[in-house]
Amino acid sequence: MSKVYTVDEVLGQVIAEGVEREAERNLLCQQHCDEMQGYLFSRPLTAKGFQQLLFS
């Protein structure tokens, strides 16, 4: 993870991909990760499924 945060110093934002467990989310929160995505939050969706989630 140290390499990811080195990139953060240059780009100014960290987005974690592939977060599947609460323990991973907790670690990333402790490291002040800006954004996260992965199965912990949502499985892949069709366009229609995403639209339904967005407007629900």
Protein backbone atom coordinates (compact mmCIF):
# COMPACT_ATOMS: atom_id res chain seq x y z
CA MET A 1 0.00 0.00 0.00
CA SER A 2 2.92 2.37 0.46
CA LYS A 3 3.30 2.64 -3.33
CA VAL A 4 -0.33 3.68 -3.67
CA TYR A 5 0.13 6.43 -1.14
CA THR A 6 3.30 7.61 -2.86
CA VAL A 7 1.16 8.10 -5.96
CA ASP A 8 -1.33 9.98 -3.77
CA GLU A 9 1.34 12.53 -2.93
CA VAL A 10 1.72 13.26 -6.64
CA LEU A 11 -1.89 13.01 -7.85
CA GLY A 12 -3.69 14.12 -4.71
CA GLN A 13 -6.30 11.35 -4.55
CA VAL A 14 -6.39 7.64 -3.75
CA ILE A 15 -9.12 5.32 -5.06
CA ALA A 16 -8.99 1.74 -3.79
CA GLU A 17 -10.36 -0.90 -6.12
CA GLY A 18 -11.42 -4.43 -5.23
CA VAL A 19 -12.47 -3.85 -1.61
CA GLU A 20 -14.26 -7.05 -0.57
CA ARG A 21 -13.99 -7.23 3.25
CA GLU A 22 -14.76 -4.94 6.18
CA ALA A 23 -11.17 -5.38 7.40
CA GLU A 24 -9.90 -3.96 4.09
CA ARG A 25 -12.32 -1.04 4.31
CA ASN A 26 -11.26 -0.33 7.90
CA LEU A 27 -7.57 -0.36 6.98
CA LEU A 28 -8.17 1.97 4.05
CA CYS A 29 -10.19 4.34 6.26
CA GLN A 30 -7.34 4.42 8.76
CA GLN A 31 -5.00 5.33 5.89
CA HIS A 32 -7.37 8.17 4.82
CA CYS A 33 -8.20 6.61 1.45
CA ASP A 34 -10.35 9.04 -0.56
CA GLU A 35 -12.65 6.61 -2.38
CA MET A 36 -13.29 2.85 -2.48
CA GLN A 37 -15.09 0.44 -4.75
CA GLY A 38 -15.59 -3.29 -4.77
CA TYR A 39 -17.90 -6.18 -3.96
CA LEU A 40 -18.24 -4.96 -0.36
CA PHE A 41 -20.32 -2.06 -1.68
CA SER A 42 -21.98 -3.55 -4.77
CA ARG A 43 -21.69 -6.41 -7.21
CA PRO A 44 -21.35 -5.45 -10.90
CA LEU A 45 -24.60 -4.03 -12.26
CA THR A 46 -26.21 -3.72 -15.65
CA ALA A 47 -26.98 -0.19 -16.83
CA LYS A 48 -30.62 -0.71 -15.86
CA GLY A 49 -29.63 -2.09 -12.44
CA PHE A 50 -27.37 0.92 -11.86
CA GLN A 51 -30.14 3.31 -12.82
CA GLN A 52 -32.53 1.60 -10.39
CA LEU A 53 -29.92 1.80 -7.60
CA LEU A 54 -29.18 5.44 -8.37
CA PHE A 55 -32.81 6.53 -8.24
CA SER A 56 -33.98 4.35 -5.34
